[in-house]
Every structure is written in structure tokens, then in C-alpha cells.
PDB file of N, CA and C in Angstrom:
ATOM      1  N   MET A   1      -3.365  -0.421  17.766  1.00  0.00           N
ATOM      2  CA  MET A   1      -4.042  -0.289  16.391  1.00  0.00           C
ATOM      3  C   MET A   1      -4.768   0.855  16.252  1.00  0.00           C
ATOM      4  N   ARG A   2      -4.824   1.678  15.176  1.00  0.00           N
ATOM      5  CA  ARG A   2      -5.383   2.803  15.060  1.00  0.00           C
ATOM      6  C   ARG A   2      -6.396   2.855  14.113  1.00  0.00           C
ATOM      7  N   PHE A   3      -7.698   3.401  14.011  1.00  0.00           N
ATOM      8  CA  PHE A   3      -8.675   3.052  13.262  1.00  0.00           C
ATOM      9  C   PHE A   3      -8.954   4.628  12.836  1.00  0.00           C
ATOM     10  N   ILE A   4      -8.992   4.622  11.542  1.00  0.00           N
ATOM     11  CA  ILE A   4      -9.662   5.798  10.706  1.00  0.00           C
ATOM     12  C   ILE A   4      -9.964   5.253   9.601  1.00  0.00           C
ATOM     13  N   THR A   5     -11.380   6.595   9.385  1.00  0.00           N
ATOM     14  CA  THR A   5     -11.945   6.698   8.344  1.00  0.00           C
ATOM     15  C   THR A   5     -11.494   6.663   6.718  1.00  0.00           C
ATOM     16  N   VAL A   6     -12.264   5.957   5.743  1.00  0.00           N
ATOM     17  CA  VAL A   6     -11.881   6.637   4.613  1.00  0.00           C
ATOM     18  C   VAL A   6     -11.783   8.222   4.043  1.00  0.00           C
ATOM     19  N   THR A   7     -12.837   9.060   4.481  1.00  0.00           N
ATOM     20  CA  THR A   7     -13.062   9.992   4.386  1.00  0.00           C
ATOM     21  C   THR A   7     -11.940  11.066   4.880  1.00  0.00           C
ATOM     22  N   GLU A   8     -11.355  10.490   6.234  1.00  0.00           N
ATOM     23  CA  GLU A   8     -10.321  10.888   6.912  1.00  0.00           C
ATOM     24  C   GLU A   8      -8.821  10.771   6.277  1.00  0.00           C
ATOM     25  N   LEU A   9      -9.081   9.323   5.817  1.00  0.00           N
ATOM     26  CA  LEU A   9      -7.511   9.022   4.848  1.00  0.00           C
ATOM     27  C   LEU A   9      -7.349   9.970   3.493  1.00  0.00           C
ATOM     28  N   ARG A  10      -8.410  10.502   2.973  1.00  0.00           N
ATOM     29  CA  ARG A  10      -8.398  10.740   1.724  1.00  0.00           C
ATOM     30  C   ARG A  10      -8.353  12.306   2.085  1.00  0.00           C
ATOM     31  N   ALA A  11      -8.649  12.574   3.191  1.00  0.00           N
ATOM     32  CA  ALA A  11      -8.361  14.260   3.237  1.00  0.00           C
ATOM     33  C   ALA A  11      -6.899  14.371   3.886  1.00  0.00           C
ATOM     34  N   GLN A  12      -6.334  13.395   4.615  1.00  0.00           N
ATOM     35  CA  GLN A  12      -4.854  13.142   5.370  1.00  0.00           C
ATOM     36  C   GLN A  12      -3.830  12.764   4.712  1.00  0.00           C
ATOM     37  N   ALA A  13      -3.890  11.687   3.641  1.00  0.00           N
ATOM     38  CA  ALA A  13      -3.322  10.835   3.340  1.00  0.00           C
ATOM     39  C   ALA A  13      -1.880  11.004   3.537  1.00  0.00           C
ATOM     40  N   PRO A  14      -0.981  12.012   3.002  1.00  0.00           N
ATOM     41  CA  PRO A  14       0.119  12.100   3.183  1.00  0.00           C
ATOM     42  C   PRO A  14       0.922  12.525   4.835  1.00  0.00           C
ATOM     43  N   LYS A  15       0.014  12.865   5.339  1.00  0.00           N
ATOM     44  CA  LYS A  15       0.007  13.144   6.812  1.00  0.00           C
ATOM     45  C   LYS A  15      -0.060  11.843   7.405  1.00  0.00           C
ATOM     46  N   ILE A  16      -1.215  11.086   7.264  1.00  0.00           N
ATOM     47  CA  ILE A  16      -1.587   9.667   7.816  1.00  0.00           C
ATOM     48  C   ILE A  16      -0.028   8.872   7.321  1.00  0.00           C
ATOM     49  N   ILE A  17       0.307   8.513   6.214  1.00  0.00           N
ATOM     50  CA  ILE A  17       1.470   8.300   5.981  1.00  0.00           C
ATOM     51  C   ILE A  17       2.705   7.838   6.332  1.00  0.00           C
ATOM     52  N   SER A  18       2.961   9.525   6.844  1.00  0.00           N
ATOM     53  CA  SER A  18       4.391   9.547   7.359  1.00  0.00           C
ATOM     54  C   SER A  18       4.050   9.138   8.435  1.00  0.00           C
ATOM     55  N   GLU A  19       3.115   9.383   9.402  1.00  0.00           N
ATOM     56  CA  GLU A  19       2.550   9.114  10.841  1.00  0.00           C
ATOM     57  C   GLU A  19       2.671   7.610  11.144  1.00  0.00           C
ATOM     58  N   ILE A  20       2.727   6.547  10.016  1.00  0.00           N
ATOM     59  CA  ILE A  20       2.521   4.969   9.922  1.00  0.00           C
ATOM     60  C   ILE A  20       4.137   4.974   9.814  1.00  0.00           C
ATOM     61  N   GLU A  21       4.951   5.393   8.922  1.00  0.00           N
ATOM     62  CA  GLU A  21       6.326   5.185   8.740  1.00  0.00           C
ATOM     63  C   GLU A  21       6.972   5.485   9.674  1.00  0.00           C
ATOM     64  N   ASN A  22       7.151   6.611  10.365  1.00  0.00           N
ATOM     65  CA  ASN A  22       7.622   6.993  11.629  1.00  0.00           C
ATOM     66  C   ASN A  22       6.913   6.183  12.985  1.00  0.00           C
ATOM     67  N   SER A  23       6.202   5.447  13.023  1.00  0.00           N
ATOM     68  CA  SER A  23       5.884   5.077  14.347  1.00  0.00           C
ATOM     69  C   SER A  23       5.431   3.330  14.157  1.00  0.00           C
ATOM     70  N   GLY A  24       5.640   3.196  12.671  1.00  0.00           N
ATOM     71  CA  GLY A  24       5.561   1.700  12.881  1.00  0.00           C
ATOM     72  C   GLY A  24       4.213   1.343  12.925  1.00  0.00           C
ATOM     73  N   GLU A  25       3.217   2.143  13.294  1.00  0.00           N
ATOM     74  CA  GLU A  25       1.927   1.498  13.862  1.00  0.00           C
ATOM     75  C   GLU A  25       0.861   1.160  13.016  1.00  0.00           C
ATOM     76  N   GLU A  26       0.194  -0.104  13.243  1.00  0.00           N
ATOM     77  CA  GLU A  26      -0.795  -0.239  11.784  1.00  0.00           C
ATOM     78  C   GLU A  26      -1.922   0.416  11.805  1.00  0.00           C
ATOM     79  N   VAL A  27      -2.518   0.395  10.596  1.00  0.00           N
ATOM     80  CA  VAL A  27      -3.443   1.590  10.807  1.00  0.00           C
ATOM     81  C   VAL A  27      -5.133   0.649  10.073  1.00  0.00           C
ATOM     82  N   VAL A  28      -5.982   0.741  10.589  1.00  0.00           N
ATOM     83  CA  VAL A  28      -7.110   0.419   9.956  1.00  0.00           C
ATOM     84  C   VAL A  28      -8.182   1.196   9.530  1.00  0.00           C
ATOM     85  N   ILE A  29      -8.277   1.134   8.354  1.00  0.00           N
ATOM     86  CA  ILE A  29      -9.471   1.660   6.988  1.00  0.00           C
ATOM     87  C   ILE A  29     -11.023   1.336   7.060  1.00  0.00           C
ATOM     88  N   THR A  30     -11.865   2.542   8.108  1.00  0.00           N
ATOM     89  CA  THR A  30     -13.037   2.085   8.177  1.00  0.00           C
ATOM     90  C   THR A  30     -13.552   2.550   6.833  1.00  0.00           C
ATOM     91  N   LYS A  31     -14.879   1.796   6.409  1.00  0.00           N
ATOM     92  CA  LYS A  31     -15.966   2.711   5.719  1.00  0.00           C
ATOM     93  C   LYS A  31     -17.249   1.994   6.309  1.00  0.00           C
ATOM     94  N   ASN A  32     -18.224   3.253   6.558  1.00  0.00           N
ATOM     95  CA  ASN A  32     -19.269   2.647   6.944  1.00  0.00           C
ATOM     96  C   ASN A  32     -19.235   1.920   8.077  1.00  0.00           C
ATOM     97  N   GLY A  33     -18.601   2.288   8.892  1.00  0.00           N
ATOM     98  CA  GLY A  33     -18.089   1.898  10.214  1.00  0.00           C
ATOM     99  C   GLY A  33     -17.758   0.370  10.469  1.00  0.00           C
ATOM    100  N   LYS A  34     -17.251  -0.084   9.312  1.00  0.00           N
ATOM    101  CA  LYS A  34     -16.628  -1.602   9.215  1.00  0.00           C
ATOM    102  C   LYS A  34     -15.429  -1.694   8.870  1.00  0.00           C
ATOM    103  N   PRO A  35     -14.261  -2.359   9.474  1.00  0.00           N
ATOM    104  CA  PRO A  35     -12.985  -2.475   8.346  1.00  0.00           C
ATOM    105  C   PRO A  35     -12.920  -3.070   7.216  1.00  0.00           C
ATOM    106  N   VAL A  36     -12.066  -2.258   6.320  1.00  0.00           N
ATOM    107  CA  VAL A  36     -11.849  -2.891   4.935  1.00  0.00           C
ATOM    108  C   VAL A  36     -10.879  -2.987   4.641  1.00  0.00           C
ATOM    109  N   VAL A  37      -9.865  -2.216   5.440  1.00  0.00           N
ATOM    110  CA  VAL A  37      -8.352  -2.439   4.715  1.00  0.00           C
ATOM    111  C   VAL A  37      -7.477  -2.277   5.732  1.00  0.00           C
ATOM    112  N   LEU A  38      -6.183  -2.795   5.899  1.00  0.00           N
ATOM    113  CA  LEU A  38      -5.273  -2.565   6.717  1.00  0.00           C
ATOM    114  C   LEU A  38      -3.968  -1.913   5.884  1.00  0.00           C
ATOM    115  N   ILE A  39      -3.795  -1.048   6.759  1.00  0.00           N
ATOM    116  CA  ILE A  39      -2.186  -0.407   6.471  1.00  0.00           C
ATOM    117  C   ILE A  39      -1.233  -0.540   7.495  1.00  0.00           C
ATOM    118  N   ARG A  40       0.305  -0.950   7.134  1.00  0.00           N
ATOM    119  CA  ARG A  40       0.929  -1.350   7.552  1.00  0.00           C
ATOM    120  C   ARG A  40       2.490  -0.921   7.120  1.00  0.00           C
ATOM    121  N   PRO A  41       3.354  -0.364   7.895  1.00  0.00           N
ATOM    122  CA  PRO A  41       4.380  -0.460   7.025  1.00  0.00           C
ATOM    123  C   PRO A  41       5.287  -1.403   6.669  1.00  0.00           C
ATOM    124  N   VAL A  42       5.844  -1.414   5.673  1.00  0.00           N
ATOM    125  CA  VAL A  42       6.936  -2.623   5.335  1.00  0.00           C
ATOM    126  C   VAL A  42       8.232  -2.877   5.056  1.00  0.00           C
ATOM    127  N   GLU A  43       8.945  -3.513   5.214  1.00  0.00           N
ATOM    128  CA  GLU A  43      10.636  -3.483   5.108  1.00  0.00           C
ATOM    129  C   GLU A  43      11.095  -3.668   4.019  1.00  0.00           C
ATOM    130  N   GLU A  44      11.825  -3.129   3.353  1.00  0.00           N
ATOM    131  CA  GLU A  44      12.567  -3.503   2.059  1.00  0.00           C
ATOM    132  C   GLU A  44      12.505  -4.786   1.982  1.00  0.00           C
ATOM    133  N   ASN A  45      13.207  -5.470   2.499  1.00  0.00           N
ATOM    134  CA  ASN A  45      13.530  -7.394   2.603  1.00  0.00           C
ATOM    135  C   ASN A  45      12.422  -8.080   2.443  1.00  0.00           C
ATOM    136  N   GLU A  46      11.152  -6.938   2.795  1.00  0.00           N
ATOM    137  CA  GLU A  46       9.906  -7.849   2.470  1.00  0.00           C
ATOM    138  C   GLU A  46       9.398  -8.393   1.005  1.00  0.00           C
ATOM    139  N   PHE A  47       9.906  -7.450  -0.186  1.00  0.00           N
ATOM    140  CA  PHE A  47       9.521  -8.040  -1.165  1.00  0.00           C
ATOM    141  C   PHE A  47      10.986  -7.156  -2.251  1.00  0.00           C
ATOM    142  N   GLU A  48      10.828  -7.597  -3.467  1.00  0.00           N
ATOM    143  CA  GLU A  48      12.268  -7.000  -4.206  1.00  0.00           C
ATOM    144  C   GLU A  48      11.187  -7.255  -5.643  1.00  0.00           C
ATOM    145  N   LEU A  49      11.488  -5.840  -6.043  1.00  0.00           N
ATOM    146  CA  LEU A  49      11.272  -5.944  -7.612  1.00  0.00           C
ATOM    147  C   LEU A  49      11.980  -6.777  -8.133  1.00  0.00           C
ATOM    148  N   LYS A  50      11.645  -6.995  -9.595  1.00  0.00           N
ATOM    149  CA  LYS A  50      12.332  -7.885 -10.232  1.00  0.00           C
ATOM    150  C   LYS A  50      13.289  -7.377 -11.508  1.00  0.00           C
ATOM    151  N   THR A  51      14.745  -6.998 -11.269  1.00  0.00           N
ATOM    152  CA  THR A  51      15.087  -6.320 -12.129  1.00  0.00           C
ATOM    153  C   THR A  51      14.832  -6.389 -14.011  1.00  0.00           C
ATOM    154  N   SER A  52      14.322  -7.454 -14.142  1.00  0.00           N
ATOM    155  CA  SER A  52      14.000  -8.124 -15.577  1.00  0.00           C
ATOM    156  C   SER A  52      13.069  -7.405 -16.165  1.00  0.00           C
ATOM    157  N   MET A  53      11.975  -7.080 -14.648  1.00  0.00           N
ATOM    158  CA  MET A  53      10.949  -6.259 -15.141  1.00  0.00           C
ATOM    159  C   MET A  53      10.906  -4.825 -15.202  1.00  0.00           C
ATOM    160  N   LYS A  54      11.975  -3.850 -15.009  1.00  0.00           N
ATOM    161  CA  LYS A  54      12.293  -2.657 -14.794  1.00  0.00           C
ATOM    162  C   LYS A  54      12.345  -2.144 -16.471  1.00  0.00           C
ATOM    163  N   GLY A  55      11.340  -1.102 -16.490  1.00  0.00           N
ATOM    164  CA  GLY A  55      11.395  -0.796 -18.077  1.00  0.00           C
ATOM    165  C   GLY A  55      11.073  -1.505 -19.547  1.00  0.00           C
ATOM    166  N   GLU A  56      10.672  -2.918 -18.662  1.00  0.00           N
ATOM    167  CA  GLU A  56      10.059  -3.786 -19.977  1.00  0.00           C
ATOM    168  C   GLU A  56       9.077  -3.911 -20.499  1.00  0.00           C
ATOM    169  N   LYS A  57       8.883  -3.726 -21.772  1.00  0.00           N
ATOM    170  CA  LYS A  57       7.461  -3.724 -22.076  1.00  0.00           C
ATOM    171  C   LYS A  57       7.196  -5.179 -22.902  1.00  0.00           C
ATOM    172  N   LYS A  58       6.030  -5.614 -22.390  1.00  0.00           N
ATOM    173  CA  LYS A  58       5.316  -6.897 -23.064  1.00  0.00           C
ATOM    174  C   LYS A  58       4.099  -6.557 -23.778  1.00  0.00           C
ATOM    175  N   HIS A  59       4.067  -6.952 -24.863  1.00  0.00           N
ATOM    176  CA  HIS A  59       2.904  -6.572 -25.657  1.00  0.00           C
ATOM    177  C   HIS A  59       2.495  -8.237 -26.571  1.00  0.00           C
ATOM    178  N   GLY A  60       1.322  -8.398 -26.440  1.00  0.00           N
ATOM    179  CA  GLY A  60       0.670  -9.622 -27.272  1.00  0.00           C
ATOM    180  C   GLY A  60       1.514 -10.749 -26.791  1.00  0.00           C
ATOM    181  N   LYS A  61       1.679 -11.508 -27.585  1.00  0.00           N
ATOM    182  CA  LYS A  61       2.663 -12.754 -27.775  1.00  0.00           C
ATOM    183  C   LYS A  61       3.500 -12.866 -26.951  1.00  0.00           C
ATOM    184  N   GLY A  62       4.273 -14.142 -26.579  1.00  0.00           N
ATOM    185  CA  GLY A  62       5.493 -14.012 -25.478  1.00  0.00           C
ATOM    186  C   GLY A  62       5.303 -14.880 -24.493  1.00  0.00           C
ATOM    187  N   LYS A  63       6.399 -15.162 -23.892  1.00  0.00           N
ATOM    188  CA  LYS A  63       6.797 -15.404 -22.476  1.00  0.00           C
ATOM    189  C   LYS A  63       6.284 -14.487 -21.518  1.00  0.00           C
ATOM    190  N   GLY A  64       5.093 -15.342 -20.446  1.00  0.00           N
ATOM    191  CA  GLY A  64       5.067 -14.418 -19.902  1.00  0.00           C
ATOM    192  C   GLY A  64       3.485 -13.194 -20.056  1.00  0.00           C
ATOM    193  N   ALA A  65       3.345 -13.071 -21.173  1.00  0.00           N
ATOM    194  CA  ALA A  65       2.079 -12.234 -21.662  1.00  0.00           C
ATOM    195  C   ALA A  65       0.959 -12.581 -21.188  1.00  0.00           C
ATOM    196  N   LEU A  66      -0.276 -11.735 -20.724  1.00  0.00           N
ATOM    197  CA  LEU A  66      -1.435 -12.152 -20.436  1.00  0.00           C
ATOM    198  C   LEU A  66      -2.334 -12.449 -21.188  1.00  0.00           C
TER     199      LEU A  66
END
């Protein structure tokens, strides 16, 4: 497991994400020396987008509106 700072992530996000994707390694993001976020690769089968939600606009009243 690798540790990097928020500053490093901000400066090198695309590179870091590619490294995580290629290596499968988890990375802990630290802020002021304390771990705050864990970034890890995910597999497609770990979640799925509901096709009914794609492009759907929900406004105001109706089923599922917040």
C-alpha cells in the first residue's frame, strides 16, 4: 500500500490513477500527515449503472424525486 499527499495527488492525478489502474495497488491519500482517503481499483462487476437512470431527468414531484 502506497501513501501520497493531497498535494501530490492534485499535481499528478492522471499519472497516479494510471499507476493504480495498472498495478492494482491501493493508495492512501494523506492530509496533514493523516490518512483521509483510500483509492483502489474497481472491477466493472462491482457496480452497475441502471439503464433507466441514463439520460433521465427528474424534476419536482414524482416517483424517486428527492
